[in-house]
Amino acid sequence: FPLHRATQTHATKVMAGDSLPAGPPARRRELRPKPIFDEPSLRTFLVGHGVKPVHMGKIWKYVLSNIREGAPLPRLEDAPGLPERIRGALAEEFAIVTSELVQTSISEIDGTMKLLVRLQDGGEVEAVVIHHSGEAEHPDQRQADRCGERDTLCVSSQVGCRLGCTFCATGTMGLQGNLWAGEIQEQLVHARMQKGHASSICNVVFMGMGEPLENFDAVSSAIKGLVDPFRFGLAPSSVTVSTVGSSPRNMYRLLEELPKIKMAVSLHAPNQALREQLVPAAKVMHIDKLLSIVDDHAHRTTGESKRLKMVMVSYVLLKGVNDSLEHAEELAALLKGRPVIVNLIPYNPFEGNIHNYEEPSPKAVDDFLKVLANRDIRVFERRHHGRDIAAACGQLAKLSGTGTQTDQLDIETGGCKLNKDVARGRTPVAAATTPRSSGSCQGRSRWEHAGMAAGVAVLVALASVGVMQVVSWRRRR
């Protein structure tokens, strides 16, 4: 199948063109049966059998409308409206899910759910369902309308990762293979089949295992499936792709081909020299060039709502390494005037880290945040959701989850507290006694809700990651 042969080898070619430090190429993976949500494979199959690709929508509608929690999966050969001559071949060549959910871990701290997914060829990846409580902490309920209760799914795009970021557990695995677009979408299928999550997942973030832009074709195809009203129907603004910037070419492709998708940049240092120590792939692109792409993103989206122009800048705080006030001042100067929201992430320990990194003290985190806030940089601190099950940022590598627990419960996209109140010495108290409910985030198809697509997109966007869209917020410990 030529389309997928191109998909599975493209990442290696791009990396070579961008002069990424040497490392083993991604293992080429063959799947049989193939994922039904993998559009390139399904399109090739239909065209090869003399059937119009328009039938893809009929198949996806049938599958998604018949997936039920605790019920057997529907049979592909029973999909209505298909030519009889392809029914048997379709069921033989494709499967609704080609992967298996082998373990589910639920955090006793905050209800975060980690899914261990075994792929058809034995590889394993992890996905995380992060629950947002919906509480607005300001005593006057400021921004309460943007703090609806909802869930975010963090998906993996590769089995392992070759970039070797020194503070990330996934980087210790090396790169074992790229996921197909259908396998990425299957992580959402597995998550939705868990009790209580059939319609609760409003956002998808590519912040799991792997560097998404090194598997660009599959990630791009998966995103198109996630936002396709014939499939999962998520709002484009509810999908975020995180990258360390290992491929300038693919960063530009993301801006060109998927302009409404949000981008997050993993920075982790305020200067090039320190960034290269922490993120070896930083040698590919100077920090100034990386941030120029962030600026370009803002200019390209001129005319869009302000929410879509902002780029999240992730910054892992490592005690004694990049967390000093001098580092904060340097970071503030670097980002001054740029359309960014800084996401501070206190280091999450994991088994086998050879660098002996430590989490900075709460005071160090607060002081760092205040420097940025006082320089008019939008900033929030990420809560450690699921740390007791090794599901927090930087911990995904099939670890046992026996690390140190914490009483800090921040979430993937921040809390609902304005950081300027923290920086100015105010101490808001927890106010919301009853979490707001955002209702269903189930993807809507054109058949089920004809004429309502625009309204649905607006509602889902308003329920999406609030901090990235409006102001810098932070929830206190």
Foldseek 3Di string as FASTA:
>chain_A
DVVVVCLFQVLVVLLVVLVFPDDDGADRDDDFQAALLQLVVVCVVQVVVVHHSVCSLQQQLVQLVQDAQPDDGDQSLPRPPDDNVCSVVPRRRYDNAQKDFDDWDADPQAGKIKTWIAGNVGFIWIKIKWWQQLFAQFQVCPPSLLRATAIEMAFEFFRAECFQQLQFPSNVVHGHGGDALSNRLVVLVVQLNDPPNVFRHQAYEHQTHYADLSSPVRSLSNLCQCCALSHFNHFQQRYEHEHQPLGPVSLVVCCVVSLQHAYEHEQQFLAQVLSCVRGVSSVSDGPVRVVVSLQVSLVVCPVPALLSSEYEYEHEDWPPRQQDLVRLLSNLVSCPPGRYAYEYEFRQDEPPNPVPTDGDDPVSVLSSLLSNVVSVHQYEYAFQAPQQCLPGRSRIDPGRSNDDDDNGGGHPQAHNAAVVCSSVPHDGGGHDPHRHHLPGNGRHHCVRDPPCSVVSSVSSSSNHRSPSRDGRGYDDD
